[in-house]
Amino acid sequence: MEKETRKLVKSSTHSYMVNIPKEIVKKYGWKEKQKLVVEDKGNGIVLIKDWKRR
């Protein structure tokens, strides 16, 4: 998959947002309002995955 650059946007005083390309959401079958797990793997790596497939 081609790399895409996204901006980090402040959404409130305690959180930020990054838009995920539509192609990635479709590839994994994610739906709007689906629960996702965000893991900090260190060294600037962040893992996002379905919370049921931990």
N, C-alpha and C. Protein backbone atom coordinates (compact mmCIF):
# COMPACT_ATOMS: atom_id res chain seq x y z
N MET A 1 0.84 -1.18 0.00
CA MET A 1 0.00 0.00 0.00
C MET A 1 0.88 1.24 0.00
N GLU A 2 0.46 2.23 -0.74
CA GLU A 2 1.17 3.50 -0.82
C GLU A 2 1.06 4.27 0.49
N LYS A 3 2.15 4.89 0.92
CA LYS A 3 2.14 5.68 2.15
C LYS A 3 1.43 7.00 1.89
N GLU A 4 0.66 7.43 2.89
CA GLU A 4 -0.03 8.71 2.80
C GLU A 4 0.30 9.53 4.03
N THR A 5 0.42 10.84 3.87
CA THR A 5 0.72 11.73 4.98
C THR A 5 -0.59 12.29 5.52
N ARG A 6 -0.72 12.28 6.84
CA ARG A 6 -1.91 12.80 7.50
C ARG A 6 -1.49 13.78 8.58
N LYS A 7 -2.38 14.73 8.90
CA LYS A 7 -2.11 15.70 9.96
C LYS A 7 -2.73 15.24 11.27
N LEU A 8 -2.05 15.55 12.36
CA LEU A 8 -2.56 15.29 13.70
C LEU A 8 -3.37 16.52 14.09
N VAL A 9 -4.65 16.32 14.48
CA VAL A 9 -5.56 17.42 14.78
C VAL A 9 -6.04 17.31 16.22
N LYS A 10 -5.97 18.42 16.95
CA LYS A 10 -6.44 18.43 18.34
C LYS A 10 -7.98 18.48 18.31
N SER A 11 -8.63 17.53 19.02
CA SER A 11 -10.09 17.48 19.01
C SER A 11 -10.70 17.98 20.31
N SER A 12 -9.94 17.95 21.39
CA SER A 12 -10.40 18.48 22.68
C SER A 12 -9.16 18.75 23.53
N THR A 13 -9.36 19.08 24.78
CA THR A 13 -8.20 19.37 25.62
C THR A 13 -7.38 18.12 25.95
N HIS A 14 -7.97 16.93 25.76
CA HIS A 14 -7.28 15.69 26.14
C HIS A 14 -7.14 14.67 25.02
N SER A 15 -7.48 15.03 23.78
CA SER A 15 -7.36 14.03 22.72
C SER A 15 -7.04 14.67 21.36
N TYR A 16 -6.53 13.81 20.49
CA TYR A 16 -6.17 14.19 19.13
C TYR A 16 -6.78 13.20 18.15
N MET A 17 -6.82 13.58 16.86
CA MET A 17 -7.38 12.70 15.83
C MET A 17 -6.43 12.63 14.64
N VAL A 18 -6.45 11.48 13.98
CA VAL A 18 -5.77 11.28 12.71
C VAL A 18 -6.78 10.60 11.80
N ASN A 19 -7.00 11.12 10.61
CA ASN A 19 -7.91 10.48 9.66
C ASN A 19 -7.25 9.27 9.04
N ILE A 20 -8.00 8.17 8.95
CA ILE A 20 -7.51 6.94 8.34
C ILE A 20 -8.09 6.86 6.93
N PRO A 21 -7.25 6.59 5.92
CA PRO A 21 -7.75 6.52 4.56
C PRO A 21 -8.89 5.50 4.40
N LYS A 22 -9.86 5.85 3.60
CA LYS A 22 -11.04 5.01 3.34
C LYS A 22 -10.64 3.60 2.88
N GLU A 23 -9.59 3.50 2.09
CA GLU A 23 -9.16 2.21 1.56
C GLU A 23 -8.75 1.25 2.69
N ILE A 24 -8.11 1.78 3.72
CA ILE A 24 -7.69 0.95 4.86
C ILE A 24 -8.90 0.49 5.65
N VAL A 25 -9.85 1.40 5.88
CA VAL A 25 -11.07 1.05 6.62
C VAL A 25 -11.82 -0.06 5.88
N LYS A 26 -11.95 0.05 4.56
CA LYS A 26 -12.63 -0.98 3.75
C LYS A 26 -11.85 -2.30 3.78
N LYS A 27 -10.51 -2.23 3.68
CA LYS A 27 -9.67 -3.43 3.66
C LYS A 27 -9.91 -4.31 4.89
N TYR A 28 -10.06 -3.68 6.06
CA TYR A 28 -10.23 -4.43 7.30
C TYR A 28 -11.69 -4.59 7.71
N GLY A 29 -12.61 -4.06 6.92
CA GLY A 29 -14.03 -4.22 7.19
C GLY A 29 -14.50 -3.46 8.41
N TRP A 30 -13.78 -2.38 8.77
CA TRP A 30 -14.18 -1.58 9.92
C TRP A 30 -15.42 -0.77 9.59
N LYS A 31 -16.24 -0.52 10.60
CA LYS A 31 -17.48 0.24 10.44
C LYS A 31 -17.43 1.48 11.32
N GLU A 32 -18.27 2.45 11.01
CA GLU A 32 -18.38 3.67 11.82
C GLU A 32 -18.76 3.30 13.26
N LYS A 33 -18.14 3.94 14.22
CA LYS A 33 -18.36 3.74 15.66
C LYS A 33 -17.86 2.40 16.19
N GLN A 34 -17.11 1.66 15.38
CA GLN A 34 -16.53 0.39 15.83
C GLN A 34 -15.45 0.66 16.87
N LYS A 35 -15.34 -0.21 17.86
CA LYS A 35 -14.29 -0.07 18.87
C LYS A 35 -12.97 -0.57 18.31
N LEU A 36 -11.93 0.24 18.50
CA LEU A 36 -10.59 -0.11 18.07
C LEU A 36 -9.64 0.06 19.25
N VAL A 37 -8.59 -0.75 19.29
CA VAL A 37 -7.56 -0.65 20.32
C VAL A 37 -6.38 0.10 19.71
N VAL A 38 -5.83 1.06 20.47
CA VAL A 38 -4.65 1.81 20.04
C VAL A 38 -3.52 1.47 21.01
N GLU A 39 -2.44 0.88 20.49
CA GLU A 39 -1.31 0.47 21.31
C GLU A 39 -0.06 1.25 20.93
N ASP A 40 0.64 1.75 21.94
CA ASP A 40 1.92 2.42 21.74
C ASP A 40 3.02 1.36 21.79
N LYS A 41 3.64 1.09 20.67
CA LYS A 41 4.69 0.07 20.60
C LYS A 41 6.08 0.65 20.83
N GLY A 42 6.18 1.98 21.02
CA GLY A 42 7.47 2.63 21.23
C GLY A 42 8.14 2.98 19.91
N ASN A 43 9.18 3.79 19.98
CA ASN A 43 9.94 4.21 18.79
C ASN A 43 9.06 4.82 17.71
N GLY A 44 7.97 5.51 18.10
CA GLY A 44 7.10 6.18 17.14
C GLY A 44 6.14 5.26 16.42
N ILE A 45 5.98 4.03 16.88
CA ILE A 45 5.08 3.08 16.24
C ILE A 45 3.80 2.96 17.07
N VAL A 46 2.66 3.16 16.40
CA VAL A 46 1.35 3.03 17.03
C VAL A 46 0.57 1.99 16.24
N LEU A 47 -0.01 1.01 16.94
CA LEU A 47 -0.76 -0.08 16.33
C LEU A 47 -2.24 0.14 16.58
N ILE A 48 -3.06 0.07 15.53
CA ILE A 48 -4.51 0.20 15.65
C ILE A 48 -5.13 -1.11 15.17
N LYS A 49 -5.99 -1.71 16.03
CA LYS A 49 -6.62 -2.97 15.64
C LYS A 49 -7.99 -3.12 16.26
N ASP A 50 -8.78 -4.04 15.71
CA ASP A 50 -10.12 -4.34 16.20
C ASP A 50 -10.01 -4.83 17.65
N TRP A 51 -10.82 -4.30 18.54
CA TRP A 51 -10.71 -4.66 19.96
C TRP A 51 -11.07 -6.11 20.23
N LYS A 52 -11.84 -6.77 19.35
CA LYS A 52 -12.20 -8.17 19.53
C LYS A 52 -11.06 -9.11 19.15
N ARG A 53 -10.12 -8.65 18.33
CA ARG A 53 -9.02 -9.49 17.85
C ARG A 53 -7.72 -9.17 18.56
N ARG A 54 -7.78 -8.92 19.84
CA ARG A 54 -6.59 -8.57 20.60
C ARG A 54 -5.64 -9.71 20.57
